[in-house]
């Protein structure tokens, strides 16, 4: 049995109005898991750098029960469960706020190093 479909341009108004996006992932969501906590990662955009590394862009947030970090551009490695940024970042817990010029998350989120000129505010 042969089935044929015919589509006329009259029924579909497909013209050259297609927008090509420079974004590989829209609103990406990831997590870093360890024994003591889960860190949820969200952003507005993501682009693959390699099969494991993703450049997260625009309103990048790391959030756990213990802290949050906000930055504009972060490189996240899915297999190593690490992340780093060379942009201004904002770290916040119940008692501490750290503003820095970047950070490095390693050891499955158990270790965070802040870079550059940093400001620490203790509550």
PDB file of N, CA and C in Angstrom:
ATOM      1  N   UNK A   1       0.841  -1.170   0.000  1.00  0.00           N
ATOM      2  CA  UNK A   1       0.000   0.000   0.000  1.00  0.00           C
ATOM      3  C   UNK A   1       0.884   1.231   0.000  1.00  0.00           C
ATOM      4  N   UNK A   2       0.627   2.131  -0.844  1.00  0.00           N
ATOM      5  CA  UNK A   2       1.408   3.352  -0.998  1.00  0.00           C
ATOM      6  C   UNK A   2       0.568   4.530  -0.550  1.00  0.00           C
ATOM      7  N   UNK A   3       1.119   5.303   0.373  1.00  0.00           N
ATOM      8  CA  UNK A   3       0.418   6.494   0.854  1.00  0.00           C
ATOM      9  C   UNK A   3       1.230   7.699   0.433  1.00  0.00           C
ATOM     10  N   UNK A   4       0.586   8.648  -0.139  1.00  0.00           N
ATOM     11  CA  UNK A   4       1.268   9.862  -0.560  1.00  0.00           C
ATOM     12  C   UNK A   4       0.661  11.060   0.160  1.00  0.00           C
ATOM     13  N   UNK A   5       1.524  11.972   0.540  1.00  0.00           N
ATOM     14  CA  UNK A   5       1.084  13.214   1.151  1.00  0.00           C
ATOM     15  C   UNK A   5       1.491  14.353   0.237  1.00  0.00           C
ATOM     16  N   UNK A   6       0.574  15.231   0.036  1.00  0.00           N
ATOM     17  CA  UNK A   6       0.856  16.408  -0.775  1.00  0.00           C
ATOM     18  C   UNK A   6       0.665  17.637   0.099  1.00  0.00           C
ATOM     19  N   UNK A   7       1.623  18.507   0.061  1.00  0.00           N
ATOM     20  CA  UNK A   7       1.552  19.752   0.823  1.00  0.00           C
ATOM     21  C   UNK A   7       1.699  20.891  -0.157  1.00  0.00           C
ATOM     22  N   UNK A   8       0.745  21.758  -0.116  1.00  0.00           N
ATOM     23  CA  UNK A   8       0.860  22.915  -0.992  1.00  0.00           C
ATOM     24  C   UNK A   8       1.364  24.097  -0.188  1.00  0.00           C
ATOM     25  N   UNK A   9       2.060  24.986  -0.830  1.00  0.00           N
ATOM     26  CA  UNK A   9       2.591  26.164  -0.163  1.00  0.00           C
ATOM     27  C   UNK A   9       1.463  27.064   0.312  1.00  0.00           C
ATOM     28  N   UNK A  10       0.301  26.910  -0.265  1.00  0.00           N
ATOM     29  CA  UNK A  10      -0.845  27.706   0.133  1.00  0.00           C
ATOM     30  C   UNK A  10      -1.274  27.359   1.567  1.00  0.00           C
ATOM     31  N   UNK A  11      -1.175  26.092   1.942  1.00  0.00           N
ATOM     32  CA  UNK A  11      -1.584  25.657   3.272  1.00  0.00           C
ATOM     33  C   UNK A  11      -0.541  25.982   4.334  1.00  0.00           C
ATOM     34  N   UNK A  12       0.704  25.978   3.956  1.00  0.00           N
ATOM     35  CA  UNK A  12       1.778  26.312   4.873  1.00  0.00           C
ATOM     36  C   UNK A  12       2.453  27.570   4.377  1.00  0.00           C
ATOM     37  N   UNK A  13       2.433  28.586   5.182  1.00  0.00           N
ATOM     38  CA  UNK A  13       3.061  29.829   4.790  1.00  0.00           C
ATOM     39  C   UNK A  13       4.514  29.801   5.240  1.00  0.00           C
ATOM     40  N   UNK A  14       5.269  28.940   4.603  1.00  0.00           N
ATOM     41  CA  UNK A  14       6.687  28.804   4.934  1.00  0.00           C
ATOM     42  C   UNK A  14       7.473  29.614   3.924  1.00  0.00           C
ATOM     43  N   UNK A  15       8.002  30.679   4.425  1.00  0.00           N
ATOM     44  CA  UNK A  15       8.869  31.488   3.583  1.00  0.00           C
ATOM     45  C   UNK A  15      10.236  31.473   4.217  1.00  0.00           C
ATOM     46  N   UNK A  16      11.077  32.308   3.811  1.00  0.00           N
ATOM     47  CA  UNK A  16      12.429  32.349   4.355  1.00  0.00           C
ATOM     48  C   UNK A  16      12.469  33.166   5.640  1.00  0.00           C
ATOM     49  N   UNK A  17      11.554  32.892   6.557  1.00  0.00           N
ATOM     50  CA  UNK A  17      11.491  33.610   7.825  1.00  0.00           C
ATOM     51  C   UNK A  17      12.049  32.781   8.978  1.00  0.00           C
ATOM     52  N   UNK A  18      12.803  31.765   8.676  1.00  0.00           N
ATOM     53  CA  UNK A  18      13.368  30.928   9.719  1.00  0.00           C
ATOM     54  C   UNK A  18      14.534  31.649  10.377  1.00  0.00           C
ATOM     55  N   UNK A  19      14.518  31.661  11.715  1.00  0.00           N
ATOM     56  CA  UNK A  19      15.611  32.267  12.455  1.00  0.00           C
ATOM     57  C   UNK A  19      16.606  31.171  12.825  1.00  0.00           C
ATOM     58  N   UNK A  20      17.861  31.443  12.618  1.00  0.00           N
ATOM     59  CA  UNK A  20      18.907  30.507  12.988  1.00  0.00           C
ATOM     60  C   UNK A  20      19.482  30.968  14.317  1.00  0.00           C
ATOM     61  N   UNK A  21      19.459  30.078  15.291  1.00  0.00           N
ATOM     62  CA  UNK A  21      19.923  30.415  16.626  1.00  0.00           C
ATOM     63  C   UNK A  21      21.401  30.056  16.776  1.00  0.00           C
ATOM     64  N   UNK A  22      22.115  30.846  17.548  1.00  0.00           N
ATOM     65  CA  UNK A  22      23.504  30.558  17.876  1.00  0.00           C
ATOM     66  C   UNK A  22      23.599  29.801  19.190  1.00  0.00           C
ATOM     67  N   UNK A  23      22.475  29.332  19.707  1.00  0.00           N
ATOM     68  CA  UNK A  23      22.405  28.657  20.995  1.00  0.00           C
ATOM     69  C   UNK A  23      22.164  27.169  20.763  1.00  0.00           C
ATOM     70  N   UNK A  24      22.998  26.321  21.381  1.00  0.00           N
ATOM     71  CA  UNK A  24      22.808  24.876  21.272  1.00  0.00           C
ATOM     72  C   UNK A  24      21.709  24.373  22.208  1.00  0.00           C
ATOM     73  N   UNK A  25      21.641  24.956  23.414  1.00  0.00           N
ATOM     74  CA  UNK A  25      20.661  24.530  24.417  1.00  0.00           C
ATOM     75  C   UNK A  25      19.952  25.767  24.953  1.00  0.00           C
ATOM     76  N   UNK A  26      18.646  25.742  24.943  1.00  0.00           N
ATOM     77  CA  UNK A  26      17.858  26.830  25.512  1.00  0.00           C
ATOM     78  C   UNK A  26      17.410  26.432  26.917  1.00  0.00           C
ATOM     79  N   UNK A  27      17.675  27.286  27.895  1.00  0.00           N
ATOM     80  CA  UNK A  27      17.349  27.060  29.305  1.00  0.00           C
ATOM     81  C   UNK A  27      17.881  25.713  29.827  1.00  0.00           C
ATOM     82  N   UNK A  28      19.199  25.499  29.720  1.00  0.00           N
ATOM     83  CA  UNK A  28      19.770  24.230  30.179  1.00  0.00           C
ATOM     84  C   UNK A  28      19.664  24.065  31.695  1.00  0.00           C
ATOM     85  N   UNK A  29      19.548  22.808  32.127  1.00  0.00           N
ATOM     86  CA  UNK A  29      19.512  22.461  33.548  1.00  0.00           C
ATOM     87  C   UNK A  29      20.413  21.251  33.767  1.00  0.00           C
ATOM     88  N   UNK A  30      21.292  21.366  34.758  1.00  0.00           N
ATOM     89  CA  UNK A  30      22.199  20.293  35.118  1.00  0.00           C
ATOM     90  C   UNK A  30      22.274  20.215  36.632  1.00  0.00           C
ATOM     91  N   UNK A  31      23.009  19.235  37.130  1.00  0.00           N
ATOM     92  CA  UNK A  31      23.255  19.167  38.566  1.00  0.00           C
ATOM     93  C   UNK A  31      24.619  18.559  38.832  1.00  0.00           C
ATOM     94  N   UNK A  32      25.189  18.943  39.970  1.00  0.00           N
ATOM     95  CA  UNK A  32      26.412  18.345  40.492  1.00  0.00           C
ATOM     96  C   UNK A  32      25.990  17.578  41.728  1.00  0.00           C
ATOM     97  N   UNK A  33      26.314  16.289  41.768  1.00  0.00           N
ATOM     98  CA  UNK A  33      25.870  15.439  42.874  1.00  0.00           C
ATOM     99  C   UNK A  33      27.053  14.962  43.697  1.00  0.00           C
ATOM    100  N   UNK A  34      26.911  15.042  45.013  1.00  0.00           N
ATOM    101  CA  UNK A  34      27.884  14.426  45.906  1.00  0.00           C
ATOM    102  C   UNK A  34      27.133  13.817  47.082  1.00  0.00           C
ATOM    103  N   UNK A  35      27.856  13.266  48.041  1.00  0.00           N
ATOM    104  CA  UNK A  35      27.211  12.566  49.155  1.00  0.00           C
ATOM    105  C   UNK A  35      26.392  13.481  50.050  1.00  0.00           C
ATOM    106  N   UNK A  36      26.810  14.742  50.188  1.00  0.00           N
ATOM    107  CA  UNK A  36      26.152  15.626  51.150  1.00  0.00           C
ATOM    108  C   UNK A  36      25.159  16.607  50.537  1.00  0.00           C
ATOM    109  N   UNK A  37      25.226  16.835  49.228  1.00  0.00           N
ATOM    110  CA  UNK A  37      24.328  17.825  48.639  1.00  0.00           C
ATOM    111  C   UNK A  37      24.188  17.625  47.137  1.00  0.00           C
ATOM    112  N   UNK A  38      23.159  18.269  46.609  1.00  0.00           N
ATOM    113  CA  UNK A  38      22.937  18.308  45.166  1.00  0.00           C
ATOM    114  C   UNK A  38      22.917  19.788  44.786  1.00  0.00           C
ATOM    115  N   UNK A  39      23.724  20.158  43.782  1.00  0.00           N
ATOM    116  CA  UNK A  39      23.802  21.541  43.327  1.00  0.00           C
ATOM    117  C   UNK A  39      23.111  21.619  41.973  1.00  0.00           C
ATOM    118  N   UNK A  40      22.040  22.381  41.905  1.00  0.00           N
ATOM    119  CA  UNK A  40      21.292  22.533  40.663  1.00  0.00           C
ATOM    120  C   UNK A  40      21.840  23.710  39.878  1.00  0.00           C
ATOM    121  N   UNK A  41      21.998  23.531  38.570  1.00  0.00           N
ATOM    122  CA  UNK A  41      22.588  24.550  37.700  1.00  0.00           C
ATOM    123  C   UNK A  41      21.573  24.905  36.629  1.00  0.00           C
ATOM    124  N   UNK A  42      21.305  26.200  36.479  1.00  0.00           N
ATOM    125  CA  UNK A  42      20.403  26.669  35.433  1.00  0.00           C
ATOM    126  C   UNK A  42      21.033  27.851  34.718  1.00  0.00           C
ATOM    127  N   UNK A  43      20.581  28.100  33.489  1.00  0.00           N
ATOM    128  CA  UNK A  43      21.050  29.235  32.691  1.00  0.00           C
ATOM    129  C   UNK A  43      20.003  29.528  31.629  1.00  0.00           C
ATOM    130  N   UNK A  44      20.183  30.625  30.951  1.00  0.00           N
ATOM    131  CA  UNK A  44      19.293  30.964  29.842  1.00  0.00           C
ATOM    132  C   UNK A  44      19.721  30.275  28.550  1.00  0.00           C
ATOM    133  N   UNK A  45      21.058  30.136  28.369  1.00  0.00           N
ATOM    134  CA  UNK A  45      21.590  29.574  27.126  1.00  0.00           C
ATOM    135  C   UNK A  45      22.781  28.682  27.411  1.00  0.00           C
ATOM    136  N   UNK A  46      23.049  27.766  26.480  1.00  0.00           N
ATOM    137  CA  UNK A  46      24.227  26.923  26.579  1.00  0.00           C
ATOM    138  C   UNK A  46      24.754  26.572  25.201  1.00  0.00           C
ATOM    139  N   UNK A  47      26.077  26.514  25.090  1.00  0.00           N
ATOM    140  CA  UNK A  47      26.728  26.115  23.837  1.00  0.00           C
ATOM    141  C   UNK A  47      27.764  25.047  24.136  1.00  0.00           C
ATOM    142  N   UNK A  48      27.760  23.983  23.321  1.00  0.00           N
ATOM    143  CA  UNK A  48      28.733  22.913  23.501  1.00  0.00           C
ATOM    144  C   UNK A  48      30.115  23.385  23.072  1.00  0.00           C
ATOM    145  N   UNK A  49      31.084  23.223  23.960  1.00  0.00           N
ATOM    146  CA  UNK A  49      32.489  23.473  23.652  1.00  0.00           C
ATOM    147  C   UNK A  49      33.112  22.163  23.182  1.00  0.00           C
ATOM    148  N   UNK A  50      32.756  21.081  23.861  1.00  0.00           N
ATOM    149  CA  UNK A  50      33.177  19.728  23.513  1.00  0.00           C
ATOM    150  C   UNK A  50      32.041  18.799  23.927  1.00  0.00           C
ATOM    151  N   UNK A  51      32.272  17.494  23.847  1.00  0.00           N
ATOM    152  CA  UNK A  51      31.207  16.562  24.228  1.00  0.00           C
ATOM    153  C   UNK A  51      30.903  16.635  25.722  1.00  0.00           C
ATOM    154  N   UNK A  52      31.860  17.073  26.539  1.00  0.00           N
ATOM    155  CA  UNK A  52      31.654  17.182  27.983  1.00  0.00           C
ATOM    156  C   UNK A  52      31.481  18.613  28.475  1.00  0.00           C
ATOM    157  N   UNK A  53      32.126  19.584  27.806  1.00  0.00           N
ATOM    158  CA  UNK A  53      32.097  20.961  28.300  1.00  0.00           C
ATOM    159  C   UNK A  53      31.015  21.792  27.608  1.00  0.00           C
ATOM    160  N   UNK A  54      30.318  22.569  28.431  1.00  0.00           N
ATOM    161  CA  UNK A  54      29.257  23.434  27.934  1.00  0.00           C
ATOM    162  C   UNK A  54      29.476  24.831  28.480  1.00  0.00           C
ATOM    163  N   UNK A  55      29.430  25.833  27.599  1.00  0.00           N
ATOM    164  CA  UNK A  55      29.490  27.219  28.018  1.00  0.00           C
ATOM    165  C   UNK A  55      28.061  27.649  28.353  1.00  0.00           C
ATOM    166  N   UNK A  56      27.815  27.907  29.638  1.00  0.00           N
ATOM    167  CA  UNK A  56      26.515  28.384  30.087  1.00  0.00           C
ATOM    168  C   UNK A  56      26.548  29.898  30.094  1.00  0.00           C
ATOM    169  N   UNK A  57      25.475  30.523  29.586  1.00  0.00           N
ATOM    170  CA  UNK A  57      25.455  31.976  29.443  1.00  0.00           C
ATOM    171  C   UNK A  57      24.146  32.553  29.976  1.00  0.00           C
ATOM    172  N   UNK A  58      24.224  33.770  30.437  1.00  0.00           N
ATOM    173  CA  UNK A  58      23.079  34.576  30.858  1.00  0.00           C
ATOM    174  C   UNK A  58      22.369  33.993  32.083  1.00  0.00           C
ATOM    175  N   UNK A  59      22.481  34.703  33.185  1.00  0.00           N
ATOM    176  CA  UNK A  59      21.796  34.331  34.433  1.00  0.00           C
ATOM    177  C   UNK A  59      22.101  32.902  34.870  1.00  0.00           C
ATOM    178  N   UNK A  60      23.379  32.567  34.914  1.00  0.00           N
ATOM    179  CA  UNK A  60      23.783  31.232  35.347  1.00  0.00           C
ATOM    180  C   UNK A  60      23.689  31.183  36.868  1.00  0.00           C
ATOM    181  N   UNK A  61      22.994  30.165  37.380  1.00  0.00           N
ATOM    182  CA  UNK A  61      22.788  30.029  38.820  1.00  0.00           C
ATOM    183  C   UNK A  61      23.137  28.619  39.265  1.00  0.00           C
ATOM    184  N   UNK A  62      23.920  28.539  40.343  1.00  0.00           N
ATOM    185  CA  UNK A  62      24.200  27.295  41.044  1.00  0.00           C
ATOM    186  C   UNK A  62      23.463  27.393  42.368  1.00  0.00           C
ATOM    187  N   UNK A  63      22.624  26.419  42.677  1.00  0.00           N
ATOM    188  CA  UNK A  63      21.820  26.522  43.890  1.00  0.00           C
ATOM    189  C   UNK A  63      21.766  25.171  44.602  1.00  0.00           C
ATOM    190  N   UNK A  64      22.074  25.206  45.904  1.00  0.00           N
ATOM    191  CA  UNK A  64      21.946  24.022  46.751  1.00  0.00           C
ATOM    192  C   UNK A  64      21.185  24.443  48.008  1.00  0.00           C
ATOM    193  N   UNK A  65      21.038  23.530  48.937  1.00  0.00           N
ATOM    194  CA  UNK A  65      20.401  23.886  50.212  1.00  0.00           C
ATOM    195  C   UNK A  65      21.300  24.782  51.050  1.00  0.00           C
ATOM    196  N   UNK A  66      22.609  24.822  50.731  1.00  0.00           N
ATOM    197  CA  UNK A  66      23.571  25.562  51.543  1.00  0.00           C
ATOM    198  C   UNK A  66      24.020  26.901  50.952  1.00  0.00           C
ATOM    199  N   UNK A  67      23.961  27.052  49.624  1.00  0.00           N
ATOM    200  CA  UNK A  67      24.487  28.269  49.009  1.00  0.00           C
ATOM    201  C   UNK A  67      23.894  28.470  47.629  1.00  0.00           C
ATOM    202  N   UNK A  68      24.183  29.662  47.076  1.00  0.00           N
ATOM    203  CA  UNK A  68      23.888  29.929  45.665  1.00  0.00           C
ATOM    204  C   UNK A  68      25.034  30.748  45.087  1.00  0.00           C
ATOM    205  N   UNK A  69      25.271  30.574  43.789  1.00  0.00           N
ATOM    206  CA  UNK A  69      26.265  31.363  43.061  1.00  0.00           C
ATOM    207  C   UNK A  69      25.596  31.850  41.789  1.00  0.00           C
ATOM    208  N   UNK A  70      25.801  33.130  41.483  1.00  0.00           N
ATOM    209  CA  UNK A  70      25.277  33.713  40.255  1.00  0.00           C
ATOM    210  C   UNK A  70      26.434  34.277  39.435  1.00  0.00           C
ATOM    211  N   UNK A  71      26.375  34.062  38.115  1.00  0.00           N
ATOM    212  CA  UNK A  71      27.382  34.589  37.192  1.00  0.00           C
ATOM    213  C   UNK A  71      26.750  34.679  35.808  1.00  0.00           C
ATOM    214  N   UNK A  72      27.435  35.317  34.888  1.00  0.00           N
ATOM    215  CA  UNK A  72      26.907  35.467  33.530  1.00  0.00           C
ATOM    216  C   UNK A  72      27.417  34.404  32.566  1.00  0.00           C
ATOM    217  N   UNK A  73      28.656  33.961  32.731  1.00  0.00           N
ATOM    218  CA  UNK A  73      29.254  32.958  31.844  1.00  0.00           C
ATOM    219  C   UNK A  73      30.025  31.943  32.676  1.00  0.00           C
ATOM    220  N   UNK A  74      29.712  30.667  32.488  1.00  0.00           N
ATOM    221  CA  UNK A  74      30.357  29.600  33.249  1.00  0.00           C
ATOM    222  C   UNK A  74      30.608  28.422  32.310  1.00  0.00           C
ATOM    223  N   UNK A  75      31.782  27.805  32.425  1.00  0.00           N
ATOM    224  CA  UNK A  75      32.066  26.568  31.703  1.00  0.00           C
ATOM    225  C   UNK A  75      31.798  25.416  32.666  1.00  0.00           C
ATOM    226  N   UNK A  76      30.890  24.515  32.266  1.00  0.00           N
ATOM    227  CA  UNK A  76      30.511  23.369  33.083  1.00  0.00           C
ATOM    228  C   UNK A  76      30.973  22.097  32.392  1.00  0.00           C
ATOM    229  N   UNK A  77      31.649  21.220  33.139  1.00  0.00           N
ATOM    230  CA  UNK A  77      32.087  19.936  32.617  1.00  0.00           C
ATOM    231  C   UNK A  77      31.172  18.857  33.191  1.00  0.00           C
ATOM    232  N   UNK A  78      30.377  18.255  32.323  1.00  0.00           N
ATOM    233  CA  UNK A  78      29.382  17.272  32.770  1.00  0.00           C
ATOM    234  C   UNK A  78      30.007  16.015  33.343  1.00  0.00           C
ATOM    235  N   UNK A  79      31.040  15.479  32.724  1.00  0.00           N
ATOM    236  CA  UNK A  79      31.612  14.220  33.198  1.00  0.00           C
ATOM    237  C   UNK A  79      32.431  14.402  34.474  1.00  0.00           C
ATOM    238  N   UNK A  80      33.174  15.496  34.579  1.00  0.00           N
ATOM    239  CA  UNK A  80      33.983  15.755  35.768  1.00  0.00           C
ATOM    240  C   UNK A  80      33.180  16.417  36.891  1.00  0.00           C
ATOM    241  N   UNK A  81      32.007  16.917  36.557  1.00  0.00           N
ATOM    242  CA  UNK A  81      31.141  17.650  37.487  1.00  0.00           C
ATOM    243  C   UNK A  81      31.905  18.805  38.139  1.00  0.00           C
ATOM    244  N   UNK A  82      32.528  19.612  37.266  1.00  0.00           N
ATOM    245  CA  UNK A  82      33.257  20.805  37.692  1.00  0.00           C
ATOM    246  C   UNK A  82      32.727  22.001  36.918  1.00  0.00           C
ATOM    247  N   UNK A  83      33.056  23.180  37.402  1.00  0.00           N
ATOM    248  CA  UNK A  83      32.648  24.407  36.714  1.00  0.00           C
ATOM    249  C   UNK A  83      33.634  25.509  37.063  1.00  0.00           C
ATOM    250  N   UNK A  84      33.786  26.455  36.117  1.00  0.00           N
ATOM    251  CA  UNK A  84      34.612  27.624  36.409  1.00  0.00           C
ATOM    252  C   UNK A  84      34.102  28.826  35.623  1.00  0.00           C
ATOM    253  N   UNK A  85      34.430  29.992  36.160  1.00  0.00           N
ATOM    254  CA  UNK A  85      34.070  31.243  35.502  1.00  0.00           C
ATOM    255  C   UNK A  85      35.168  32.260  35.741  1.00  0.00           C
ATOM    256  N   UNK A  86      35.396  33.112  34.760  1.00  0.00           N
ATOM    257  CA  UNK A  86      36.328  34.231  34.905  1.00  0.00           C
ATOM    258  C   UNK A  86      35.576  35.553  34.939  1.00  0.00           C
ATOM    259  N   UNK A  87      34.265  35.482  35.094  1.00  0.00           N
ATOM    260  CA  UNK A  87      33.426  36.681  35.162  1.00  0.00           C
ATOM    261  C   UNK A  87      33.037  36.970  36.607  1.00  0.00           C
ATOM    262  N   UNK A  88      32.529  38.159  36.810  1.00  0.00           N
ATOM    263  CA  UNK A  88      32.071  38.531  38.146  1.00  0.00           C
ATOM    264  C   UNK A  88      31.040  37.527  38.626  1.00  0.00           C
ATOM    265  N   UNK A  89      31.176  37.142  39.899  1.00  0.00           N
ATOM    266  CA  UNK A  89      30.255  36.165  40.471  1.00  0.00           C
ATOM    267  C   UNK A  89      29.808  36.641  41.850  1.00  0.00           C
ATOM    268  N   UNK A  90      28.698  36.072  42.269  1.00  0.00           N
ATOM    269  CA  UNK A  90      28.070  36.458  43.526  1.00  0.00           C
ATOM    270  C   UNK A  90      27.709  35.177  44.268  1.00  0.00           C
ATOM    271  N   UNK A  91      28.407  34.901  45.385  1.00  0.00           N
ATOM    272  CA  UNK A  91      28.199  33.713  46.207  1.00  0.00           C
ATOM    273  C   UNK A  91      27.434  34.128  47.451  1.00  0.00           C
ATOM    274  N   UNK A  92      26.431  33.347  47.832  1.00  0.00           N
ATOM    275  CA  UNK A  92      25.620  33.728  48.990  1.00  0.00           C
ATOM    276  C   UNK A  92      25.218  32.499  49.806  1.00  0.00           C
ATOM    277  N   UNK A  93      25.407  32.603  51.129  1.00  0.00           N
ATOM    278  CA  UNK A  93      24.871  31.645  52.093  1.00  0.00           C
ATOM    279  C   UNK A  93      24.061  32.444  53.107  1.00  0.00           C
ATOM    280  N   UNK A  94      23.579  31.786  54.141  1.00  0.00           N
ATOM    281  CA  UNK A  94      22.837  32.510  55.176  1.00  0.00           C
ATOM    282  C   UNK A  94      23.698  33.532  55.900  1.00  0.00           C
ATOM    283  N   UNK A  95      25.009  33.278  56.027  1.00  0.00           N
ATOM    284  CA  UNK A  95      25.879  34.130  56.823  1.00  0.00           C
ATOM    285  C   UNK A  95      26.987  34.836  56.053  1.00  0.00           C
ATOM    286  N   UNK A  96      27.186  34.494  54.778  1.00  0.00           N
ATOM    287  CA  UNK A  96      28.322  35.031  54.026  1.00  0.00           C
ATOM    288  C   UNK A  96      27.893  35.423  52.614  1.00  0.00           C
ATOM    289  N   UNK A  97      28.425  36.550  52.142  1.00  0.00           N
ATOM    290  CA  UNK A  97      28.295  36.955  50.745  1.00  0.00           C
ATOM    291  C   UNK A  97      29.706  37.196  50.216  1.00  0.00           C
ATOM    292  N   UNK A  98      30.026  36.610  49.073  1.00  0.00           N
ATOM    293  CA  UNK A  98      31.339  36.809  48.456  1.00  0.00           C
ATOM    294  C   UNK A  98      31.125  37.277  47.022  1.00  0.00           C
ATOM    295  N   UNK A  99      31.678  38.441  46.707  1.00  0.00           N
ATOM    296  CA  UNK A  99      31.689  38.948  45.335  1.00  0.00           C
ATOM    297  C   UNK A  99      33.109  38.767  44.826  1.00  0.00           C
ATOM    298  N   UNK A 100      33.244  38.132  43.658  1.00  0.00           N
ATOM    299  CA  UNK A 100      34.586  37.856  43.141  1.00  0.00           C
ATOM    300  C   UNK A 100      34.616  38.025  41.631  1.00  0.00           C
ATOM    301  N   UNK A 101      35.816  37.884  41.072  1.00  0.00           N
ATOM    302  CA  UNK A 101      36.009  37.973  39.621  1.00  0.00           C
ATOM    303  C   UNK A 101      36.117  36.594  38.989  1.00  0.00           C
ATOM    304  N   UNK A 102      35.486  35.612  39.578  1.00  0.00           N
ATOM    305  CA  UNK A 102      35.481  34.270  39.034  1.00  0.00           C
ATOM    306  C   UNK A 102      35.563  33.235  40.128  1.00  0.00           C
ATOM    307  N   UNK A 103      35.354  31.982  39.742  1.00  0.00           N
ATOM    308  CA  UNK A 103      35.392  30.898  40.707  1.00  0.00           C
ATOM    309  C   UNK A 103      35.693  29.585  39.991  1.00  0.00           C
ATOM    310  N   UNK A 104      36.025  28.593  40.796  1.00  0.00           N
ATOM    311  CA  UNK A 104      36.292  27.239  40.304  1.00  0.00           C
ATOM    312  C   UNK A 104      35.624  26.267  41.275  1.00  0.00           C
ATOM    313  N   UNK A 105      34.698  25.456  40.769  1.00  0.00           N
ATOM    314  CA  UNK A 105      34.044  24.436  41.578  1.00  0.00           C
ATOM    315  C   UNK A 105      34.649  23.096  41.189  1.00  0.00           C
ATOM    316  N   UNK A 106      35.166  22.361  42.189  1.00  0.00           N
ATOM    317  CA  UNK A 106      35.761  21.051  41.926  1.00  0.00           C
ATOM    318  C   UNK A 106      35.344  20.080  43.030  1.00  0.00           C
ATOM    319  N   UNK A 107      35.879  18.888  42.977  1.00  0.00           N
ATOM    320  CA  UNK A 107      35.602  17.857  43.973  1.00  0.00           C
ATOM    321  C   UNK A 107      34.097  17.669  44.170  1.00  0.00           C
ATOM    322  N   UNK A 108      33.371  17.566  43.056  1.00  0.00           N
ATOM    323  CA  UNK A 108      31.915  17.366  43.032  1.00  0.00           C
ATOM    324  C   UNK A 108      31.164  18.408  43.868  1.00  0.00           C
ATOM    325  N   UNK A 109      31.654  19.631  43.835  1.00  0.00           N
ATOM    326  CA  UNK A 109      30.995  20.727  44.536  1.00  0.00           C
ATOM    327  C   UNK A 109      31.427  20.923  45.968  1.00  0.00           C
ATOM    328  N   UNK A 110      32.342  20.096  46.453  1.00  0.00           N
ATOM    329  CA  UNK A 110      32.817  20.232  47.834  1.00  0.00           C
ATOM    330  C   UNK A 110      33.873  21.318  47.994  1.00  0.00           C
ATOM    331  N   UNK A 111      34.435  21.779  46.866  1.00  0.00           N
ATOM    332  CA  UNK A 111      35.502  22.782  46.931  1.00  0.00           C
ATOM    333  C   UNK A 111      35.197  23.916  45.957  1.00  0.00           C
ATOM    334  N   UNK A 112      35.188  25.142  46.468  1.00  0.00           N
ATOM    335  CA  UNK A 112      34.966  26.325  45.638  1.00  0.00           C
ATOM    336  C   UNK A 112      36.098  27.306  45.920  1.00  0.00           C
ATOM    337  N   UNK A 113      36.789  27.710  44.865  1.00  0.00           N
ATOM    338  CA  UNK A 113      37.864  28.697  44.973  1.00  0.00           C
ATOM    339  C   UNK A 113      37.401  29.951  44.237  1.00  0.00           C
ATOM    340  N   UNK A 114      37.583  31.109  44.860  1.00  0.00           N
ATOM    341  CA  UNK A 114      37.201  32.378  44.247  1.00  0.00           C
ATOM    342  C   UNK A 114      38.444  33.083  43.742  1.00  0.00           C
ATOM    343  N   UNK A 115      38.317  33.771  42.588  1.00  0.00           N
ATOM    344  CA  UNK A 115      39.448  34.405  41.923  1.00  0.00           C
ATOM    345  C   UNK A 115      39.351  35.920  41.945  1.00  0.00           C
ATOM    346  N   UNK A 116      40.503  36.531  41.766  1.00  0.00           N
ATOM    347  CA  UNK A 116      40.581  37.974  41.557  1.00  0.00           C
ATOM    348  C   UNK A 116      40.240  38.760  42.817  1.00  0.00           C
ATOM    349  N   UNK A 117      39.997  40.031  42.595  1.00  0.00           N
ATOM    350  CA  UNK A 117      39.617  40.919  43.683  1.00  0.00           C
ATOM    351  C   UNK A 117      38.274  40.451  44.218  1.00  0.00           C
ATOM    352  N   UNK A 118      38.254  40.095  45.494  1.00  0.00           N
ATOM    353  CA  UNK A 118      37.040  39.566  46.102  1.00  0.00           C
ATOM    354  C   UNK A 118      36.642  40.384  47.321  1.00  0.00           C
ATOM    355  N   UNK A 119      35.364  40.471  47.544  1.00  0.00           N
ATOM    356  CA  UNK A 119      34.818  41.149  48.708  1.00  0.00           C
ATOM    357  C   UNK A 119      34.026  40.125  49.505  1.00  0.00           C
ATOM    358  N   UNK A 120      34.319  40.033  50.809  1.00  0.00           N
ATOM    359  CA  UNK A 120      33.629  39.089  51.684  1.00  0.00           C
ATOM    360  C   UNK A 120      32.847  39.894  52.715  1.00  0.00           C
ATOM    361  N   UNK A 121      31.564  39.596  52.824  1.00  0.00           N
ATOM    362  CA  UNK A 121      30.700  40.241  53.796  1.00  0.00           C
ATOM    363  C   UNK A 121      30.157  39.176  54.736  1.00  0.00           C
ATOM    364  N   UNK A 122      30.491  39.309  56.023  1.00  0.00           N
ATOM    365  CA  UNK A 122      30.010  38.377  57.037  1.00  0.00           C
ATOM    366  C   UNK A 122      28.829  38.986  57.765  1.00  0.00           C
ATOM    367  N   UNK A 123      27.796  38.210  57.941  1.00  0.00           N
ATOM    368  CA  UNK A 123      26.591  38.705  58.626  1.00  0.00           C
ATOM    369  C   UNK A 123      26.634  38.382  60.102  1.00  0.00           C
TER     370      UNK A 123
END
